Amino acid sequence: MGDPMKIHVPKWAQEEFWNEPLEGTMEFWAFRFIPKCGIGDLIEFFFDDKKVAEATVAMIEAPGLSHCDSTGRFRHRWKVFWRPETFKDLRD
């Protein structure tokens, strides 16, 4: 296991970030470049430099294999997936 991957969630995505994924799906974060993490690594999510959540990497997917089910976006990005059961809401 490496160092935690830190994801600074942009303001435009913060409200939507808390929406529950569709039943039977995994959440992901998309990247332009190969992510610097591995399966089993911790992901830490930050809003305005405050840690608000964490999850464990379940899968890394190369571009072109899938896209966001609800928006159709991110087909041409690397994706880091986590399973909902590993997600921890750390808001006060």
Protein backbone atom coordinates (compact mmCIF):
# COMPACT_ATOMS: atom_id res chain seq x y z
CA MET A 1 0.00 0.00 0.00
CA GLY A 2 1.31 3.40 -1.00
CA ASP A 3 0.64 6.87 0.32
CA PRO A 4 -3.02 7.94 0.23
CA MET A 5 -4.20 9.47 -3.03
CA LYS A 6 -5.44 12.98 -2.33
CA ILE A 7 -8.35 14.25 -4.41
CA HIS A 8 -9.27 17.92 -4.05
CA VAL A 9 -12.91 18.03 -5.14
CA PRO A 10 -13.60 21.23 -7.11
CA LYS A 11 -16.38 23.55 -5.91
CA TRP A 12 -18.58 22.71 -8.93
CA ALA A 13 -18.55 19.00 -7.95
CA GLN A 14 -18.92 19.26 -4.16
CA GLU A 15 -22.73 19.17 -3.92
CA GLU A 16 -23.04 16.30 -6.40
CA PHE A 17 -20.22 14.40 -4.64
CA TRP A 18 -22.60 13.19 -1.91
CA ASN A 19 -25.16 11.65 -4.29
CA GLU A 20 -25.48 7.90 -3.79
CA PRO A 21 -24.36 5.71 -6.71
CA LEU A 22 -26.88 3.58 -8.57
CA GLU A 23 -27.56 0.18 -6.98
CA GLY A 24 -24.92 -2.38 -7.95
CA THR A 25 -22.42 0.18 -9.28
CA MET A 26 -19.12 1.53 -8.04
CA GLU A 27 -18.17 5.19 -7.83
CA PHE A 28 -15.12 6.52 -9.65
CA TRP A 29 -13.01 9.62 -10.07
CA ALA A 30 -11.67 10.35 -13.56
CA PHE A 31 -8.16 11.52 -14.48
CA ARG A 32 -6.48 12.71 -17.66
CA PHE A 33 -3.26 10.89 -16.78
CA ILE A 34 -2.45 7.48 -15.27
CA PRO A 35 -3.39 7.69 -11.57
CA LYS A 36 -0.58 7.27 -9.05
CA CYS A 37 -2.28 4.69 -6.86
CA GLY A 38 -2.92 0.97 -6.71
CA ILE A 39 -5.69 -1.40 -5.72
CA GLY A 40 -6.09 -1.34 -1.94
CA ASP A 41 -4.67 2.17 -1.57
CA LEU A 42 -6.55 4.79 0.40
CA ILE A 43 -8.19 7.74 -1.38
CA GLU A 44 -8.69 10.91 0.66
CA PHE A 45 -11.22 13.49 -0.56
CA PHE A 46 -10.85 17.16 0.33
CA PHE A 47 -13.20 20.15 0.07
CA ASP A 48 -11.29 23.43 0.36
CA ASP A 49 -8.29 21.65 1.98
CA LYS A 50 -10.49 19.90 4.59
CA LYS A 51 -10.65 16.09 4.51
CA VAL A 52 -14.31 15.11 4.15
CA ALA A 53 -14.25 11.45 3.07
CA GLU A 54 -12.09 8.45 2.27
CA ALA A 55 -12.43 5.18 0.40
CA THR A 56 -10.27 2.29 -0.80
CA VAL A 57 -9.25 1.80 -4.43
CA ALA A 58 -11.03 -1.26 -5.85
CA MET A 59 -10.11 -0.99 -9.54
CA ILE A 60 -8.24 1.20 -12.02
CA GLU A 61 -9.55 1.37 -15.58
CA ALA A 62 -7.87 2.62 -18.75
CA PRO A 63 -9.62 5.18 -20.98
CA GLY A 64 -12.26 4.06 -23.47
CA LEU A 65 -13.77 1.17 -21.51
CA SER A 66 -16.66 2.84 -19.68
CA HIS A 67 -18.30 6.14 -18.86
CA CYS A 68 -20.48 7.69 -16.17
CA ASP A 69 -23.87 5.94 -16.22
CA SER A 70 -25.81 9.08 -15.34
CA THR A 71 -24.01 11.67 -17.54
CA GLY A 72 -22.21 9.68 -20.24
CA ARG A 73 -19.05 11.65 -19.49
CA PHE A 74 -15.44 10.57 -18.83
CA ARG A 75 -15.17 7.80 -21.45
CA HIS A 76 -11.70 9.02 -22.48
CA ARG A 77 -10.26 9.32 -18.97
CA TRP A 78 -8.49 6.97 -16.56
CA LYS A 79 -10.85 5.95 -13.75
CA VAL A 80 -10.18 5.02 -10.14
CA PHE A 81 -13.13 3.06 -8.69
CA TRP A 82 -14.07 2.33 -5.09
CA ARG A 83 -16.80 0.16 -3.63
CA PRO A 84 -19.54 1.99 -1.69
CA GLU A 85 -18.93 -0.13 1.43
CA THR A 86 -15.38 1.30 1.77
CA PHE A 87 -16.58 4.93 1.55
CA LYS A 88 -16.44 6.84 4.84
CA ASP A 89 -18.12 10.22 5.26
CA LEU A 90 -15.85 12.23 7.58
CA ARG A 91 -17.88 15.43 7.74
CA ASP A 92 -18.53 16.77 11.23
